[in-house]
Amino acid sequence: MLYYFGTVLLIFLFVMNEKEQYIALISEIIKKQSVILGPEIAILKARSVMGLMVDNDGKVTGVGDNPKATLQNLVDQYVELSGLIVKNALGSIFAKYPELNINK
């Protein structure tokens, strides 16, 4: 974010914490799966994952105490439906979050 105060420029760098990164990543996955599977099925499958909270629009509102396990369980749910198509579709999303060291 950039803030101007008179002639002084203050730059604030916003860095997402790990849990926020998982929420963003999982939200992207659900959004992508909504296109592939349809929103009703994508959200229904996401809601079946223990610890994962998703609103009616597919927005993630909680990832539980172990977001990495929540992510893995979500991917497993989608892979169970669509197999390798899901894994291939998610590769580009995982690449956006290298700090999370996700095993694909």
N, C-alpha and C. Protein backbone atom coordinates (compact mmCIF):
# COMPACT_ATOMS: atom_id res chain seq x y z
N MET A 1 0.84 -1.17 0.00
CA MET A 1 0.00 0.00 0.00
C MET A 1 0.89 1.23 0.00
N LEU A 2 0.43 2.25 -0.64
CA LEU A 2 1.17 3.51 -0.65
C LEU A 2 0.32 4.58 0.02
N TYR A 3 0.95 5.33 0.90
CA TYR A 3 0.28 6.44 1.56
C TYR A 3 1.11 7.69 1.36
N TYR A 4 0.50 8.79 0.98
CA TYR A 4 1.20 10.07 0.82
C TYR A 4 0.79 10.99 1.96
N PHE A 5 1.75 11.51 2.68
CA PHE A 5 1.54 12.49 3.74
C PHE A 5 2.43 13.67 3.42
N GLY A 6 1.83 14.71 2.83
CA GLY A 6 2.63 15.86 2.42
C GLY A 6 3.64 15.42 1.38
N THR A 7 4.89 15.70 1.64
CA THR A 7 5.94 15.32 0.70
C THR A 7 6.61 14.01 1.08
N VAL A 8 6.13 13.41 2.15
CA VAL A 8 6.74 12.16 2.62
C VAL A 8 5.95 10.98 2.06
N LEU A 9 6.67 10.06 1.48
CA LEU A 9 6.05 8.85 0.96
C LEU A 9 6.35 7.72 1.92
N LEU A 10 5.29 7.13 2.43
CA LEU A 10 5.45 5.98 3.32
C LEU A 10 4.98 4.75 2.57
N ILE A 11 5.79 3.75 2.53
CA ILE A 11 5.44 2.51 1.83
C ILE A 11 5.23 1.42 2.88
N PHE A 12 4.07 0.82 2.81
CA PHE A 12 3.76 -0.28 3.70
C PHE A 12 3.68 -1.55 2.87
N LEU A 13 4.46 -2.51 3.21
CA LEU A 13 4.46 -3.78 2.50
C LEU A 13 3.56 -4.74 3.26
N PHE A 14 2.57 -5.23 2.57
CA PHE A 14 1.64 -6.16 3.18
C PHE A 14 2.06 -7.57 2.79
N VAL A 15 2.32 -8.39 3.76
CA VAL A 15 2.68 -9.77 3.52
C VAL A 15 1.64 -10.66 4.21
N MET A 16 1.06 -11.57 3.44
CA MET A 16 0.07 -12.47 4.03
C MET A 16 0.76 -13.47 4.94
N ASN A 17 0.14 -13.73 6.08
CA ASN A 17 0.69 -14.78 6.92
C ASN A 17 0.32 -16.14 6.33
N GLU A 18 0.85 -17.19 6.88
CA GLU A 18 0.67 -18.52 6.30
C GLU A 18 -0.80 -18.93 6.20
N LYS A 19 -1.56 -18.69 7.25
CA LYS A 19 -2.97 -19.08 7.24
C LYS A 19 -3.73 -18.31 6.16
N GLU A 20 -3.42 -17.02 6.00
CA GLU A 20 -4.06 -16.22 4.95
C GLU A 20 -3.70 -16.75 3.57
N GLN A 21 -2.47 -17.23 3.40
CA GLN A 21 -2.06 -17.80 2.12
C GLN A 21 -2.85 -19.08 1.83
N TYR A 22 -3.04 -19.91 2.85
CA TYR A 22 -3.84 -21.12 2.66
C TYR A 22 -5.28 -20.77 2.30
N ILE A 23 -5.84 -19.77 2.96
CA ILE A 23 -7.21 -19.35 2.65
C ILE A 23 -7.30 -18.87 1.20
N ALA A 24 -6.32 -18.07 0.77
CA ALA A 24 -6.31 -17.59 -0.61
C ALA A 24 -6.15 -18.74 -1.60
N LEU A 25 -5.24 -19.65 -1.31
CA LEU A 25 -4.99 -20.80 -2.18
C LEU A 25 -6.24 -21.68 -2.29
N ILE A 26 -6.82 -22.02 -1.16
CA ILE A 26 -8.00 -22.88 -1.15
C ILE A 26 -9.17 -22.19 -1.85
N SER A 27 -9.30 -20.89 -1.66
CA SER A 27 -10.34 -20.14 -2.36
C SER A 27 -10.17 -20.22 -3.86
N GLU A 28 -8.94 -20.10 -4.34
CA GLU A 28 -8.66 -20.21 -5.78
C GLU A 28 -8.99 -21.60 -6.30
N ILE A 29 -8.66 -22.60 -5.52
CA ILE A 29 -8.95 -23.98 -5.93
C ILE A 29 -10.46 -24.19 -6.06
N ILE A 30 -11.21 -23.73 -5.07
CA ILE A 30 -12.66 -23.89 -5.12
C ILE A 30 -13.23 -23.13 -6.33
N LYS A 31 -12.72 -21.94 -6.57
CA LYS A 31 -13.19 -21.15 -7.71
C LYS A 31 -12.93 -21.90 -9.02
N LYS A 32 -11.74 -22.45 -9.17
CA LYS A 32 -11.39 -23.19 -10.38
C LYS A 32 -12.25 -24.43 -10.52
N GLN A 33 -12.46 -25.14 -9.42
CA GLN A 33 -13.28 -26.34 -9.47
C GLN A 33 -14.75 -26.01 -9.73
N SER A 34 -15.18 -24.82 -9.34
CA SER A 34 -16.55 -24.38 -9.63
C SER A 34 -16.77 -24.27 -11.13
N VAL A 35 -15.74 -23.85 -11.85
CA VAL A 35 -15.82 -23.76 -13.30
C VAL A 35 -15.85 -25.17 -13.91
N ILE A 36 -15.03 -26.06 -13.37
CA ILE A 36 -14.89 -27.41 -13.93
C ILE A 36 -16.10 -28.29 -13.55
N LEU A 37 -16.46 -28.28 -12.28
CA LEU A 37 -17.50 -29.19 -11.77
C LEU A 37 -18.87 -28.54 -11.64
N GLY A 38 -18.88 -27.22 -11.64
CA GLY A 38 -20.10 -26.48 -11.32
C GLY A 38 -20.03 -26.05 -9.86
N PRO A 39 -20.58 -24.87 -9.56
CA PRO A 39 -20.44 -24.33 -8.20
C PRO A 39 -21.08 -25.18 -7.12
N GLU A 40 -22.22 -25.78 -7.39
CA GLU A 40 -22.89 -26.57 -6.34
C GLU A 40 -22.04 -27.76 -5.91
N ILE A 41 -21.51 -28.50 -6.87
CA ILE A 41 -20.70 -29.68 -6.54
C ILE A 41 -19.38 -29.25 -5.90
N ALA A 42 -18.75 -28.21 -6.45
CA ALA A 42 -17.46 -27.76 -5.91
C ALA A 42 -17.60 -27.33 -4.46
N ILE A 43 -18.64 -26.58 -4.15
CA ILE A 43 -18.85 -26.10 -2.78
C ILE A 43 -19.27 -27.26 -1.87
N LEU A 44 -20.12 -28.13 -2.36
CA LEU A 44 -20.55 -29.29 -1.57
C LEU A 44 -19.35 -30.15 -1.18
N LYS A 45 -18.47 -30.42 -2.13
CA LYS A 45 -17.27 -31.22 -1.83
C LYS A 45 -16.35 -30.49 -0.85
N ALA A 46 -16.20 -29.18 -1.03
CA ALA A 46 -15.35 -28.40 -0.12
C ALA A 46 -15.91 -28.44 1.29
N ARG A 47 -17.21 -28.34 1.42
CA ARG A 47 -17.83 -28.36 2.75
C ARG A 47 -17.72 -29.72 3.42
N SER A 48 -17.44 -30.77 2.66
CA SER A 48 -17.31 -32.09 3.27
C SER A 48 -15.94 -32.29 3.92
N VAL A 49 -15.03 -31.33 3.72
CA VAL A 49 -13.70 -31.41 4.30
C VAL A 49 -13.73 -30.88 5.73
N MET A 50 -13.31 -31.72 6.68
CA MET A 50 -13.31 -31.33 8.08
C MET A 50 -12.41 -30.10 8.29
N GLY A 51 -12.96 -29.10 8.97
CA GLY A 51 -12.21 -27.89 9.29
C GLY A 51 -12.36 -26.79 8.26
N LEU A 52 -12.81 -27.13 7.06
CA LEU A 52 -12.95 -26.13 6.00
C LEU A 52 -14.34 -25.52 6.05
N MET A 53 -14.39 -24.20 6.14
CA MET A 53 -15.65 -23.49 6.15
C MET A 53 -15.75 -22.63 4.90
N VAL A 54 -16.84 -22.82 4.16
CA VAL A 54 -17.04 -22.15 2.88
C VAL A 54 -18.44 -21.57 2.86
N ASP A 55 -18.55 -20.29 2.44
CA ASP A 55 -19.88 -19.68 2.36
C ASP A 55 -20.58 -20.11 1.06
N ASN A 56 -21.80 -19.63 0.86
CA ASN A 56 -22.60 -20.04 -0.29
C ASN A 56 -22.01 -19.60 -1.63
N ASP A 57 -21.12 -18.61 -1.60
CA ASP A 57 -20.48 -18.12 -2.82
C ASP A 57 -19.15 -18.82 -3.10
N GLY A 58 -18.75 -19.73 -2.22
CA GLY A 58 -17.49 -20.44 -2.41
C GLY A 58 -16.31 -19.77 -1.74
N LYS A 59 -16.58 -18.70 -0.98
CA LYS A 59 -15.50 -18.00 -0.28
C LYS A 59 -15.14 -18.77 0.99
N VAL A 60 -13.83 -18.98 1.19
CA VAL A 60 -13.36 -19.70 2.36
C VAL A 60 -13.38 -18.76 3.56
N THR A 61 -14.03 -19.21 4.63
CA THR A 61 -14.11 -18.40 5.85
C THR A 61 -13.33 -19.01 7.00
N GLY A 62 -12.82 -20.24 6.81
CA GLY A 62 -12.01 -20.88 7.84
C GLY A 62 -11.34 -22.13 7.29
N VAL A 63 -10.15 -22.42 7.80
CA VAL A 63 -9.39 -23.59 7.33
C VAL A 63 -9.01 -24.55 8.45
N GLY A 64 -9.54 -24.34 9.63
CA GLY A 64 -9.24 -25.24 10.74
C GLY A 64 -7.87 -25.00 11.34
N ASP A 65 -7.48 -25.89 12.24
CA ASP A 65 -6.21 -25.76 12.96
C ASP A 65 -5.01 -26.19 12.14
N ASN A 66 -5.23 -27.02 11.14
CA ASN A 66 -4.13 -27.53 10.31
C ASN A 66 -4.45 -27.25 8.84
N PRO A 67 -4.16 -26.02 8.38
CA PRO A 67 -4.54 -25.66 7.01
C PRO A 67 -3.90 -26.53 5.93
N LYS A 68 -2.69 -27.03 6.20
CA LYS A 68 -2.03 -27.90 5.21
C LYS A 68 -2.81 -29.20 5.03
N ALA A 69 -3.26 -29.79 6.13
CA ALA A 69 -4.06 -31.01 6.06
C ALA A 69 -5.42 -30.72 5.42
N THR A 70 -5.99 -29.57 5.72
CA THR A 70 -7.25 -29.17 5.12
C THR A 70 -7.10 -29.08 3.61
N LEU A 71 -6.02 -28.45 3.16
CA LEU A 71 -5.74 -28.34 1.73
C LEU A 71 -5.63 -29.72 1.10
N GLN A 72 -4.85 -30.60 1.72
CA GLN A 72 -4.65 -31.94 1.16
C GLN A 72 -5.98 -32.69 1.08
N ASN A 73 -6.81 -32.56 2.12
CA ASN A 73 -8.10 -33.24 2.12
C ASN A 73 -9.02 -32.69 1.03
N LEU A 74 -8.96 -31.39 0.79
CA LEU A 74 -9.77 -30.79 -0.27
C LEU A 74 -9.32 -31.31 -1.63
N VAL A 75 -8.02 -31.29 -1.87
CA VAL A 75 -7.50 -31.80 -3.14
C VAL A 75 -7.90 -33.26 -3.32
N ASP A 76 -7.81 -34.04 -2.27
CA ASP A 76 -8.19 -35.46 -2.34
C ASP A 76 -9.66 -35.60 -2.74
N GLN A 77 -10.52 -34.74 -2.20
CA GLN A 77 -11.95 -34.79 -2.55
C GLN A 77 -12.16 -34.54 -4.04
N TYR A 78 -11.48 -33.52 -4.56
CA TYR A 78 -11.64 -33.19 -5.97
C TYR A 78 -11.00 -34.24 -6.87
N VAL A 79 -9.85 -34.77 -6.48
CA VAL A 79 -9.18 -35.80 -7.27
C VAL A 79 -10.05 -37.06 -7.33
N GLU A 80 -10.71 -37.36 -6.22
CA GLU A 80 -11.61 -38.50 -6.18
C GLU A 80 -12.69 -38.38 -7.26
N LEU A 81 -13.12 -37.16 -7.53
CA LEU A 81 -14.14 -36.93 -8.56
C LEU A 81 -13.59 -36.96 -9.97
N SER A 82 -12.45 -36.32 -10.16
CA SER A 82 -11.97 -36.06 -11.51
C SER A 82 -10.56 -36.57 -11.82
N GLY A 83 -9.91 -37.20 -10.87
CA GLY A 83 -8.61 -37.79 -11.12
C GLY A 83 -7.52 -36.80 -11.50
N LEU A 84 -6.71 -37.17 -12.47
CA LEU A 84 -5.54 -36.38 -12.84
C LEU A 84 -5.89 -35.03 -13.45
N ILE A 85 -7.09 -34.90 -13.98
CA ILE A 85 -7.50 -33.61 -14.54
C ILE A 85 -7.40 -32.53 -13.47
N VAL A 86 -7.82 -32.85 -12.27
CA VAL A 86 -7.76 -31.89 -11.16
C VAL A 86 -6.31 -31.56 -10.82
N LYS A 87 -5.48 -32.57 -10.68
CA LYS A 87 -4.07 -32.32 -10.34
C LYS A 87 -3.41 -31.41 -11.37
N ASN A 88 -3.66 -31.66 -12.64
CA ASN A 88 -3.08 -30.82 -13.69
C ASN A 88 -3.63 -29.40 -13.62
N ALA A 89 -4.90 -29.25 -13.36
CA ALA A 89 -5.53 -27.93 -13.30
C ALA A 89 -5.01 -27.12 -12.11
N LEU A 90 -4.61 -27.79 -11.03
CA LEU A 90 -4.19 -27.09 -9.82
C LEU A 90 -2.71 -26.72 -9.83
N GLY A 91 -1.94 -27.29 -10.72
CA GLY A 91 -0.50 -27.01 -10.75
C GLY A 91 -0.17 -25.54 -10.86
N SER A 92 -0.87 -24.82 -11.72
CA SER A 92 -0.59 -23.38 -11.90
C SER A 92 -0.98 -22.58 -10.66
N ILE A 93 -1.98 -23.04 -9.94
CA ILE A 93 -2.38 -22.34 -8.70
C ILE A 93 -1.34 -22.58 -7.62
N PHE A 94 -0.89 -23.81 -7.46
CA PHE A 94 0.12 -24.12 -6.45
C PHE A 94 1.40 -23.32 -6.69
N ALA A 95 1.74 -23.09 -7.93
CA ALA A 95 2.96 -22.35 -8.26
C ALA A 95 2.94 -20.92 -7.73
N LYS A 96 1.78 -20.37 -7.47
CA LYS A 96 1.66 -19.01 -6.94
C LYS A 96 2.01 -18.91 -5.46
N TYR A 97 2.12 -20.06 -4.77
CA TYR A 97 2.34 -20.09 -3.33
C TYR A 97 3.58 -20.93 -2.99
N PRO A 98 4.75 -20.54 -3.50
CA PRO A 98 5.95 -21.37 -3.26
C PRO A 98 6.36 -21.42 -1.80
N GLU A 99 6.00 -20.42 -1.02
CA GLU A 99 6.41 -20.39 0.40
C GLU A 99 5.76 -21.50 1.20
N LEU A 100 4.66 -22.06 0.70
CA LEU A 100 3.94 -23.08 1.46
C LEU A 100 4.52 -24.47 1.25
N ASN A 101 5.47 -24.64 0.34
CA ASN A 101 6.12 -25.94 0.09
C ASN A 101 5.10 -27.07 -0.02
N ILE A 102 4.25 -26.96 -0.98
CA ILE A 102 3.18 -27.94 -1.17
C ILE A 102 3.69 -29.07 -2.06
N ASN A 103 3.52 -30.30 -1.58
CA ASN A 103 3.87 -31.47 -2.38
C ASN A 103 2.70 -31.76 -3.30
N LYS A 104 2.96 -31.72 -4.58
CA LYS A 104 1.87 -31.90 -5.55
C LYS A 104 1.62 -33.35 -5.83
